[in-house]
Amino acid sequence: MKNALLYTFAFLATQFVAVFLVIGAYMLFAHGNPGDSLPPMWHIASMVTFSLAVIIVFMSTGWFKASRSYLRSHPWGVVSWSVIAALGAIVPSLVLQGLLPEWTGWAKEMAEESSEQLGALMQVPGGYMVVALLPPLVEEMVFRGCILKSLLQWKPERKWLMIALSALIFSVVHMNPAQMPHTLLIGLLLGWMYARTGSIVPGVAYHWANNTAAYVMFHVYHNPQTLQDIIGPGNSRLALALLFSLCILIPAIVQLNQRMRPSDADELSNSIS
């Protein structure tokens, strides 16, 4: 458990240092004020700096060890079904999110600020990289490849409890209350895939598809705020969208359950399967 806390702290501390350095550069070279929100391009610079710093820290310390053993097993079916599952889970998670009470106070302000920052990032060059390319790799390295791995090694007999705990950490660290149901659901699915395979590859594919879908919908539907902005008003449309999505998600989960196998070279998989 202490390793999981260490990895979480290192992730957050690296983010803080990266943002601090970029804010300093913004003040020095762009003559910005300390209280200013970073312009989108500077925000992208902070996210790129943070992502690269996390990769360097976690790999140089040996906390995350890259291996090609899972790729050598040619898991292309698993990767494909991971992408399909991600697309099928979007509407159910948004429906769940819509059923929850609306946030108020500081939580609402935080959610609105996060949504504004995300929208600004998606409208500038480089936005796709920091929304859909870097986060899947970096977050899967940290939250599944390090945090969940350490939790599973700590309590291998309580696999689902450890998956749920890692998903909760993943959701809270995103610091966006409005997205917590979605990130918690994703965290559970990603944790299950990692526990079954011992590899972050399926999770990276799922994570990439989820974030790419959000990026595409933002541009196609011009920054939709609710599910109704995408599918239109009416309970019948909502029911059909949910049914269609479940017809994608459920077969994808079944296929993943049948196809996901650990690599023979993966010590973690051998210890928890």
C-alpha atoms as a PDB file:
ATOM      1  CA  MET A   1       0.000   0.000   0.000  1.00  0.00           C
ATOM      2  CA  LYS A   2       2.815   2.414   0.802  1.00  0.00           C
ATOM      3  CA  ASN A   3       4.181   1.990  -2.728  1.00  0.00           C
ATOM      4  CA  ALA A   4       0.789   2.911  -4.198  1.00  0.00           C
ATOM      5  CA  LEU A   5       0.748   6.062  -2.073  1.00  0.00           C
ATOM      6  CA  LEU A   6       4.337   6.835  -3.097  1.00  0.00           C
ATOM      7  CA  TYR A   7       3.475   6.544  -6.792  1.00  0.00           C
ATOM      8  CA  THR A   8       0.387   8.728  -6.372  1.00  0.00           C
ATOM      9  CA  PHE A   9       2.382  11.379  -4.533  1.00  0.00           C
ATOM     10  CA  ALA A  10       5.164  11.275  -7.150  1.00  0.00           C
ATOM     11  CA  PHE A  11       2.602  11.700  -9.942  1.00  0.00           C
ATOM     12  CA  LEU A  12       0.988  14.715  -8.280  1.00  0.00           C
ATOM     13  CA  ALA A  13       4.313  16.245  -7.236  1.00  0.00           C
ATOM     14  CA  THR A  14       5.687  15.939 -10.763  1.00  0.00           C
ATOM     15  CA  GLN A  15       2.579  17.653 -12.094  1.00  0.00           C
ATOM     16  CA  PHE A  16       2.955  20.478  -9.572  1.00  0.00           C
ATOM     17  CA  VAL A  17       6.638  21.023 -10.389  1.00  0.00           C
ATOM     18  CA  ALA A  18       5.993  20.966 -14.156  1.00  0.00           C
ATOM     19  CA  VAL A  19       3.171  23.498 -13.896  1.00  0.00           C
ATOM     20  CA  PHE A  20       5.280  25.681 -11.568  1.00  0.00           C
ATOM     21  CA  LEU A  21       8.168  25.692 -14.048  1.00  0.00           C
ATOM     22  CA  VAL A  22       5.941  26.529 -17.013  1.00  0.00           C
ATOM     23  CA  ILE A  23       4.220  29.321 -15.062  1.00  0.00           C
ATOM     24  CA  GLY A  24       7.670  30.688 -14.261  1.00  0.00           C
ATOM     25  CA  ALA A  25       8.625  30.564 -17.937  1.00  0.00           C
ATOM     26  CA  TYR A  26       5.317  32.222 -18.863  1.00  0.00           C
ATOM     27  CA  MET A  27       5.990  35.082 -16.442  1.00  0.00           C
ATOM     28  CA  LEU A  28       9.582  35.447 -17.615  1.00  0.00           C
ATOM     29  CA  PHE A  29       9.169  35.214 -21.381  1.00  0.00           C
ATOM     30  CA  ALA A  30       5.535  36.266 -21.949  1.00  0.00           C
ATOM     31  CA  HIS A  31       5.398  38.785 -19.097  1.00  0.00           C
ATOM     32  CA  GLY A  32       2.359  37.093 -17.567  1.00  0.00           C
ATOM     33  CA  ASN A  33       1.055  37.752 -14.070  1.00  0.00           C
ATOM     34  CA  PRO A  34       1.148  35.107 -11.302  1.00  0.00           C
ATOM     35  CA  GLY A  35      -2.642  35.052 -10.985  1.00  0.00           C
ATOM     36  CA  ASP A  36      -3.316  34.649 -14.701  1.00  0.00           C
ATOM     37  CA  SER A  37      -4.697  31.430 -16.123  1.00  0.00           C
ATOM     38  CA  LEU A  38      -2.233  29.915 -18.548  1.00  0.00           C
ATOM     39  CA  PRO A  39      -3.113  30.548 -22.211  1.00  0.00           C
ATOM     40  CA  PRO A  40      -3.932  27.328 -24.098  1.00  0.00           C
ATOM     41  CA  MET A  41      -0.511  26.958 -25.746  1.00  0.00           C
ATOM     42  CA  TRP A  42       1.261  27.447 -22.433  1.00  0.00           C
ATOM     43  CA  HIS A  43      -1.151  24.964 -20.852  1.00  0.00           C
ATOM     44  CA  ILE A  44      -0.190  22.479 -23.545  1.00  0.00           C
ATOM     45  CA  ALA A  45       3.473  23.155 -22.781  1.00  0.00           C
ATOM     46  CA  SER A  46       2.847  22.383 -19.096  1.00  0.00           C
ATOM     47  CA  MET A  47       1.060  19.109 -19.930  1.00  0.00           C
ATOM     48  CA  VAL A  48       3.798  17.992 -22.317  1.00  0.00           C
ATOM     49  CA  THR A  49       6.447  18.874 -19.729  1.00  0.00           C
ATOM     50  CA  PHE A  50       4.523  17.046 -17.031  1.00  0.00           C
ATOM     51  CA  SER A  51       3.957  13.941 -19.184  1.00  0.00           C
ATOM     52  CA  LEU A  52       7.586  13.658 -20.225  1.00  0.00           C
ATOM     53  CA  ALA A  53       8.728  14.252 -16.639  1.00  0.00           C
ATOM     54  CA  VAL A  54       6.459  11.456 -15.357  1.00  0.00           C
ATOM     55  CA  ILE A  55       7.788   9.026 -17.964  1.00  0.00           C
ATOM     56  CA  ILE A  56      11.390   9.923 -17.079  1.00  0.00           C
ATOM     57  CA  VAL A  57      10.825   9.701 -13.301  1.00  0.00           C
ATOM     58  CA  PHE A  58       8.892   6.437 -13.308  1.00  0.00           C
ATOM     59  CA  MET A  59      11.198   4.687 -15.766  1.00  0.00           C
ATOM     60  CA  SER A  60      14.517   5.983 -14.401  1.00  0.00           C
ATOM     61  CA  THR A  61      13.594   4.865 -10.880  1.00  0.00           C
ATOM     62  CA  GLY A  62      12.578   1.428 -12.122  1.00  0.00           C
ATOM     63  CA  TRP A  63       9.042   1.864 -10.815  1.00  0.00           C
ATOM     64  CA  PHE A  64       7.756   1.110 -14.301  1.00  0.00           C
ATOM     65  CA  LYS A  65       9.644  -1.360 -16.450  1.00  0.00           C
ATOM     66  CA  ALA A  66       8.731  -1.404 -20.116  1.00  0.00           C
ATOM     67  CA  SER A  67       8.438  -4.829 -21.697  1.00  0.00           C
ATOM     68  CA  ARG A  68       7.493  -6.047 -25.160  1.00  0.00           C
ATOM     69  CA  SER A  69       6.509  -9.511 -23.976  1.00  0.00           C
ATOM     70  CA  TYR A  70       2.778  -8.843 -24.251  1.00  0.00           C
ATOM     71  CA  LEU A  71       3.098  -7.333 -27.718  1.00  0.00           C
ATOM     72  CA  ARG A  72       5.016 -10.409 -28.826  1.00  0.00           C
ATOM     73  CA  SER A  73       1.890 -12.455 -28.078  1.00  0.00           C
ATOM     74  CA  HIS A  74       0.119 -10.531 -30.918  1.00  0.00           C
ATOM     75  CA  PRO A  75      -2.893  -9.383 -28.831  1.00  0.00           C
ATOM     76  CA  TRP A  76      -4.533  -7.525 -31.691  1.00  0.00           C
ATOM     77  CA  GLY A  77      -7.945  -9.015 -31.008  1.00  0.00           C
ATOM     78  CA  VAL A  78      -7.798  -7.788 -27.419  1.00  0.00           C
ATOM     79  CA  VAL A  79      -6.643  -4.346 -28.544  1.00  0.00           C
ATOM     80  CA  SER A  80      -9.468  -4.113 -31.104  1.00  0.00           C
ATOM     81  CA  TRP A  81     -12.144  -5.165 -28.620  1.00  0.00           C
ATOM     82  CA  SER A  82     -10.708  -2.722 -26.070  1.00  0.00           C
ATOM     83  CA  VAL A  83     -11.342   0.106 -28.526  1.00  0.00           C
ATOM     84  CA  ILE A  84     -14.873  -1.159 -29.211  1.00  0.00           C
ATOM     85  CA  ALA A  85     -15.595  -1.456 -25.472  1.00  0.00           C
ATOM     86  CA  ALA A  86     -14.446   2.139 -24.944  1.00  0.00           C
ATOM     87  CA  LEU A  87     -16.872   3.402 -27.586  1.00  0.00           C
ATOM     88  CA  GLY A  88     -19.714   1.332 -26.140  1.00  0.00           C
ATOM     89  CA  ALA A  89     -19.149   2.614 -22.597  1.00  0.00           C
ATOM     90  CA  ILE A  90     -19.450   6.317 -23.382  1.00  0.00           C
ATOM     91  CA  VAL A  91     -23.252   6.639 -23.422  1.00  0.00           C
ATOM     92  CA  PRO A  92     -23.887   4.390 -20.356  1.00  0.00           C
ATOM     93  CA  SER A  93     -21.382   6.377 -18.300  1.00  0.00           C
ATOM     94  CA  LEU A  94     -22.915   9.694 -19.421  1.00  0.00           C
ATOM     95  CA  VAL A  95     -26.390   8.406 -18.560  1.00  0.00           C
ATOM     96  CA  LEU A  96     -25.118   7.411 -15.110  1.00  0.00           C
ATOM     97  CA  GLN A  97     -23.541  10.826 -14.719  1.00  0.00           C
ATOM     98  CA  GLY A  98     -26.819  12.514 -15.659  1.00  0.00           C
ATOM     99  CA  LEU A  99     -28.726  10.596 -12.976  1.00  0.00           C
ATOM    100  CA  LEU A 100     -26.535  11.936 -10.176  1.00  0.00           C
ATOM    101  CA  PRO A 101     -27.379  15.159  -8.310  1.00  0.00           C
ATOM    102  CA  GLU A 102     -25.824  18.307  -9.736  1.00  0.00           C
ATOM    103  CA  TRP A 103     -22.707  19.535  -7.985  1.00  0.00           C
ATOM    104  CA  THR A 104     -22.808  22.852  -6.138  1.00  0.00           C
ATOM    105  CA  GLY A 105     -20.330  25.217  -4.519  1.00  0.00           C
ATOM    106  CA  TRP A 106     -16.612  24.636  -4.933  1.00  0.00           C
ATOM    107  CA  ALA A 107     -17.168  21.305  -6.693  1.00  0.00           C
ATOM    108  CA  LYS A 108     -19.285  22.983  -9.373  1.00  0.00           C
ATOM    109  CA  GLU A 109     -16.695  25.730  -9.826  1.00  0.00           C
ATOM    110  CA  MET A 110     -13.910  23.167 -10.140  1.00  0.00           C
ATOM    111  CA  ALA A 111     -15.896  21.155 -12.695  1.00  0.00           C
ATOM    112  CA  GLU A 112     -16.683  24.258 -14.756  1.00  0.00           C
ATOM    113  CA  GLU A 113     -13.075  25.418 -14.695  1.00  0.00           C
ATOM    114  CA  SER A 114     -11.854  21.982 -15.741  1.00  0.00           C
ATOM    115  CA  SER A 115     -14.392  21.870 -18.581  1.00  0.00           C
ATOM    116  CA  GLU A 116     -13.337  25.325 -19.797  1.00  0.00           C
ATOM    117  CA  GLN A 117      -9.654  24.387 -19.758  1.00  0.00           C
ATOM    118  CA  LEU A 118     -10.343  21.159 -21.632  1.00  0.00           C
ATOM    119  CA  GLY A 119     -12.427  22.991 -24.231  1.00  0.00           C
ATOM    120  CA  ALA A 120      -9.687  25.559 -24.737  1.00  0.00           C
ATOM    121  CA  LEU A 121      -7.085  22.815 -25.225  1.00  0.00           C
ATOM    122  CA  MET A 122      -9.177  21.055 -27.851  1.00  0.00           C
ATOM    123  CA  GLN A 123      -9.331  24.160 -30.013  1.00  0.00           C
ATOM    124  CA  VAL A 124      -5.597  24.773 -30.485  1.00  0.00           C
ATOM    125  CA  PRO A 125      -2.833  22.907 -32.345  1.00  0.00           C
ATOM    126  CA  GLY A 126      -1.383  20.215 -30.138  1.00  0.00           C
ATOM    127  CA  GLY A 127      -4.659  19.748 -28.303  1.00  0.00           C
ATOM    128  CA  TYR A 128      -5.158  16.206 -29.556  1.00  0.00           C
ATOM    129  CA  MET A 129      -1.699  15.209 -28.333  1.00  0.00           C
ATOM    130  CA  VAL A 130      -2.310  16.340 -24.747  1.00  0.00           C
ATOM    131  CA  VAL A 131      -5.902  15.085 -24.663  1.00  0.00           C
ATOM    132  CA  ALA A 132      -5.776  11.735 -26.430  1.00  0.00           C
ATOM    133  CA  LEU A 133      -2.161  10.655 -26.942  1.00  0.00           C
ATOM    134  CA  LEU A 134      -0.046  11.479 -23.904  1.00  0.00           C
ATOM    135  CA  PRO A 135      -2.624  10.918 -21.097  1.00  0.00           C
ATOM    136  CA  PRO A 136      -3.443   7.297 -22.069  1.00  0.00           C
ATOM    137  CA  LEU A 137       0.230   6.332 -22.036  1.00  0.00           C
ATOM    138  CA  VAL A 138       1.240   8.265 -18.919  1.00  0.00           C
ATOM    139  CA  GLU A 139      -1.838   7.451 -16.843  1.00  0.00           C
ATOM    140  CA  GLU A 140      -1.766   3.748 -17.700  1.00  0.00           C
ATOM    141  CA  MET A 141       1.924   3.624 -16.750  1.00  0.00           C
ATOM    142  CA  VAL A 142       1.211   5.185 -13.361  1.00  0.00           C
ATOM    143  CA  PHE A 143      -2.260   4.042 -12.338  1.00  0.00           C
ATOM    144  CA  ARG A 144      -2.222   0.511 -13.715  1.00  0.00           C
ATOM    145  CA  GLY A 145       1.453  -0.278 -14.358  1.00  0.00           C
ATOM    146  CA  CYS A 146       2.588   1.017 -10.952  1.00  0.00           C
ATOM    147  CA  ILE A 147      -0.264   1.757  -8.516  1.00  0.00           C
ATOM    148  CA  LEU A 148      -2.537  -1.181  -9.348  1.00  0.00           C
ATOM    149  CA  LYS A 149       0.421  -3.509  -9.783  1.00  0.00           C
ATOM    150  CA  SER A 150       1.667  -2.693  -6.276  1.00  0.00           C
ATOM    151  CA  LEU A 151      -1.840  -3.098  -4.821  1.00  0.00           C
ATOM    152  CA  LEU A 152      -2.280  -6.494  -6.475  1.00  0.00           C
ATOM    153  CA  GLN A 153       1.065  -7.625  -5.145  1.00  0.00           C
ATOM    154  CA  TRP A 154       0.092  -6.348  -1.684  1.00  0.00           C
ATOM    155  CA  LYS A 155      -3.307  -8.126  -1.532  1.00  0.00           C
ATOM    156  CA  PRO A 156      -3.486 -10.625  -4.421  1.00  0.00           C
ATOM    157  CA  GLU A 157      -6.343 -12.492  -2.757  1.00  0.00           C
ATOM    158  CA  ARG A 158      -8.508  -9.343  -2.882  1.00  0.00           C
ATOM    159  CA  LYS A 159      -8.091  -8.568  -6.538  1.00  0.00           C
ATOM    160  CA  TRP A 160     -11.385  -6.743  -7.116  1.00  0.00           C
ATOM    161  CA  LEU A 161     -11.009  -4.654  -3.985  1.00  0.00           C
ATOM    162  CA  MET A 162      -7.569  -3.557  -5.201  1.00  0.00           C
ATOM    163  CA  ILE A 163      -8.966  -2.786  -8.665  1.00  0.00           C
ATOM    164  CA  ALA A 164     -11.722  -0.693  -7.073  1.00  0.00           C
ATOM    165  CA  LEU A 165      -9.212   1.135  -4.880  1.00  0.00           C
ATOM    166  CA  SER A 166      -6.995   1.957  -7.854  1.00  0.00           C
ATOM    167  CA  ALA A 167     -10.056   3.140  -9.810  1.00  0.00           C
ATOM    168  CA  LEU A 168     -11.030   5.419  -6.928  1.00  0.00           C
ATOM    169  CA  ILE A 169      -7.517   6.903  -6.809  1.00  0.00           C
ATOM    170  CA  PHE A 170      -7.633   7.364 -10.593  1.00  0.00           C
ATOM    171  CA  SER A 171     -10.971   9.153 -10.354  1.00  0.00           C
ATOM    172  CA  VAL A 172     -10.038  11.431  -7.446  1.00  0.00           C
ATOM    173  CA  VAL A 173      -6.679  12.461  -8.953  1.00  0.00           C
ATOM    174  CA  HIS A 174      -8.498  13.830 -12.015  1.00  0.00           C
ATOM    175  CA  MET A 175      -9.955  16.470  -9.655  1.00  0.00           C
ATOM    176  CA  ASN A 176     -13.139  16.933 -11.667  1.00  0.00           C
ATOM    177  CA  PRO A 177     -16.223  15.980  -9.589  1.00  0.00           C
ATOM    178  CA  ALA A 178     -18.513  16.051 -12.623  1.00  0.00           C
ATOM    179  CA  GLN A 179     -16.444  13.384 -14.383  1.00  0.00           C
ATOM    180  CA  MET A 180     -15.997  11.080 -11.381  1.00  0.00           C
ATOM    181  CA  PRO A 181     -18.678   8.519 -12.373  1.00  0.00           C
ATOM    182  CA  HIS A 182     -17.117   8.256 -15.851  1.00  0.00           C
ATOM    183  CA  THR A 183     -13.513   8.043 -14.627  1.00  0.00           C
ATOM    184  CA  LEU A 184     -14.477   5.567 -11.893  1.00  0.00           C
ATOM    185  CA  LEU A 185     -16.187   3.276 -14.416  1.00  0.00           C
ATOM    186  CA  ILE A 186     -13.232   3.551 -16.779  1.00  0.00           C
ATOM    187  CA  GLY A 187     -10.846   2.875 -13.895  1.00  0.00           C
ATOM    188  CA  LEU A 188     -12.675  -0.351 -13.054  1.00  0.00           C
ATOM    189  CA  LEU A 189     -12.571  -1.574 -16.665  1.00  0.00           C
ATOM    190  CA  LEU A 190      -8.924  -0.598 -17.117  1.00  0.00           C
ATOM    191  CA  GLY A 191      -8.001  -2.238 -13.835  1.00  0.00           C
ATOM    192  CA  TRP A 192      -9.757  -5.447 -14.827  1.00  0.00           C
ATOM    193  CA  MET A 193      -7.903  -5.508 -18.146  1.00  0.00           C
ATOM    194  CA  TYR A 194      -4.556  -4.965 -16.449  1.00  0.00           C
ATOM    195  CA  ALA A 195      -5.237  -7.636 -13.822  1.00  0.00           C
ATOM    196  CA  ARG A 196      -6.093 -10.120 -16.577  1.00  0.00           C
ATOM    197  CA  THR A 197      -3.143  -9.395 -18.852  1.00  0.00           C
ATOM    198  CA  GLY A 198      -0.422  -7.841 -16.691  1.00  0.00           C
ATOM    199  CA  SER A 199       0.073  -5.301 -19.475  1.00  0.00           C
ATOM    200  CA  ILE A 200      -0.935  -1.682 -19.980  1.00  0.00           C
ATOM    201  CA  VAL A 201      -1.374  -2.202 -23.750  1.00  0.00           C
ATOM    202  CA  PRO A 202      -5.144  -2.980 -23.687  1.00  0.00           C
ATOM    203  CA  GLY A 203      -5.686  -0.102 -21.274  1.00  0.00           C
ATOM    204  CA  VAL A 204      -3.775   2.349 -23.446  1.00  0.00           C
ATOM    205  CA  ALA A 205      -5.925   1.329 -26.427  1.00  0.00           C
ATOM    206  CA  TYR A 206      -9.147   1.732 -24.420  1.00  0.00           C
ATOM    207  CA  HIS A 207      -8.003   5.035 -22.908  1.00  0.00           C
ATOM    208  CA  TRP A 208      -6.951   6.385 -26.317  1.00  0.00           C
ATOM    209  CA  ALA A 209     -10.316   5.470 -27.889  1.00  0.00           C
ATOM    210  CA  ASN A 210     -12.262   7.079 -25.029  1.00  0.00           C
ATOM    211  CA  ASN A 211     -10.310  10.340 -25.166  1.00  0.00           C
ATOM    212  CA  THR A 212     -10.322  10.425 -28.966  1.00  0.00           C
ATOM    213  CA  ALA A 213     -14.108  10.018 -28.983  1.00  0.00           C
ATOM    214  CA  ALA A 214     -14.402  12.982 -26.600  1.00  0.00           C
ATOM    215  CA  TYR A 215     -12.123  15.029 -28.852  1.00  0.00           C
ATOM    216  CA  VAL A 216     -14.107  14.147 -31.994  1.00  0.00           C
ATOM    217  CA  MET A 217     -17.491  14.833 -30.376  1.00  0.00           C
ATOM    218  CA  PHE A 218     -16.247  18.202 -29.144  1.00  0.00           C
ATOM    219  CA  HIS A 219     -15.491  19.280 -32.706  1.00  0.00           C
ATOM    220  CA  VAL A 220     -18.395  17.591 -34.476  1.00  0.00           C
ATOM    221  CA  TYR A 221     -21.068  18.784 -32.039  1.00  0.00           C
ATOM    222  CA  HIS A 222     -19.365  22.092 -31.143  1.00  0.00           C
ATOM    223  CA  ASN A 223     -18.598  21.553 -27.469  1.00  0.00           C
ATOM    224  CA  PRO A 224     -21.629  19.547 -26.277  1.00  0.00           C
ATOM    225  CA  GLN A 225     -22.434  19.983 -22.574  1.00  0.00           C
ATOM    226  CA  THR A 226     -24.899  17.105 -22.148  1.00  0.00           C
ATOM    227  CA  LEU A 227     -25.762  13.834 -23.848  1.00  0.00           C
ATOM    228  CA  GLN A 228     -28.904  15.462 -25.252  1.00  0.00           C
ATOM    229  CA  ASP A 229     -26.709  17.914 -27.155  1.00  0.00           C
ATOM    230  CA  ILE A 230     -25.433  14.912 -29.119  1.00  0.00           C
ATOM    231  CA  ILE A 231     -28.453  12.644 -29.532  1.00  0.00           C
ATOM    232  CA  GLY A 232     -31.192  15.284 -29.327  1.00  0.00           C
ATOM    233  CA  PRO A 233     -34.029  15.712 -26.796  1.00  0.00           C
ATOM    234  CA  GLY A 234     -36.477  13.004 -25.821  1.00  0.00           C
ATOM    235  CA  ASN A 235     -36.466   9.876 -23.669  1.00  0.00           C
ATOM    236  CA  SER A 236     -36.962   7.612 -26.686  1.00  0.00           C
ATOM    237  CA  ARG A 237     -33.710   8.816 -28.271  1.00  0.00           C
ATOM    238  CA  LEU A 238     -31.931   8.368 -24.956  1.00  0.00           C
ATOM    239  CA  ALA A 239     -33.258   4.829 -24.593  1.00  0.00           C
ATOM    240  CA  LEU A 240     -32.249   3.907 -28.147  1.00  0.00           C
ATOM    241  CA  ALA A 241     -28.766   5.388 -27.676  1.00  0.00           C
ATOM    242  CA  LEU A 242     -28.324   3.457 -24.439  1.00  0.00           C
ATOM    243  CA  LEU A 243     -29.588   0.219 -26.006  1.00  0.00           C
ATOM    244  CA  PHE A 244     -27.313   0.631 -29.028  1.00  0.00           C
ATOM    245  CA  SER A 245     -24.322   1.320 -26.806  1.00  0.00           C
ATOM    246  CA  LEU A 246     -25.011  -1.704 -24.611  1.00  0.00           C
ATOM    247  CA  CYS A 247     -25.220  -3.834 -27.757  1.00  0.00           C
ATOM    248  CA  ILE A 248     -21.636  -2.719 -28.395  1.00  0.00           C
ATOM    249  CA  LEU A 249     -20.316  -2.760 -24.831  1.00  0.00           C
ATOM    250  CA  ILE A 250     -21.623  -6.113 -23.627  1.00  0.00           C
ATOM    251  CA  PRO A 251     -20.311  -8.207 -26.565  1.00  0.00           C
ATOM    252  CA  ALA A 252     -16.983  -6.363 -26.290  1.00  0.00           C
ATOM    253  CA  ILE A 253     -16.707  -7.244 -22.587  1.00  0.00           C
ATOM    254  CA  VAL A 254     -17.586 -10.861 -23.363  1.00  0.00           C
ATOM    255  CA  GLN A 255     -14.952 -11.015 -26.091  1.00  0.00           C
ATOM    256  CA  LEU A 256     -12.336  -9.435 -23.846  1.00  0.00           C
ATOM    257  CA  ASN A 257     -13.145 -11.898 -21.080  1.00  0.00           C
ATOM    258  CA  GLN A 258     -12.601 -14.776 -23.495  1.00  0.00           C
ATOM    259  CA  ARG A 259      -9.494 -13.413 -25.202  1.00  0.00           C
ATOM    260  CA  MET A 260      -7.458 -11.691 -22.480  1.00  0.00           C
ATOM    261  CA  ARG A 261      -4.523 -13.827 -21.435  1.00  0.00           C
ATOM    262  CA  PRO A 262      -1.297 -12.907 -19.636  1.00  0.00           C
ATOM    263  CA  SER A 263       2.049 -13.063 -21.360  1.00  0.00           C
ATOM    264  CA  ASP A 264       4.121 -16.044 -20.238  1.00  0.00           C
ATOM    265  CA  ALA A 265       6.953 -13.664 -19.441  1.00  0.00           C
ATOM    266  CA  ASP A 266       4.869 -11.469 -17.161  1.00  0.00           C
ATOM    267  CA  GLU A 267       5.604 -12.222 -13.507  1.00  0.00           C
ATOM    268  CA  LEU A 268       2.703 -10.112 -12.223  1.00  0.00           C
ATOM    269  CA  SER A 269       0.156 -11.974 -14.305  1.00  0.00           C
ATOM    270  CA  ASN A 270       1.491 -15.317 -13.117  1.00  0.00           C
ATOM    271  CA  SER A 271       1.174 -14.187  -9.506  1.00  0.00           C
ATOM    272  CA  ILE A 272      -2.449 -12.999  -9.616  1.00  0.00           C
ATOM    273  CA  SER A 273      -4.169 -15.056 -12.309  1.00  0.00           C
END
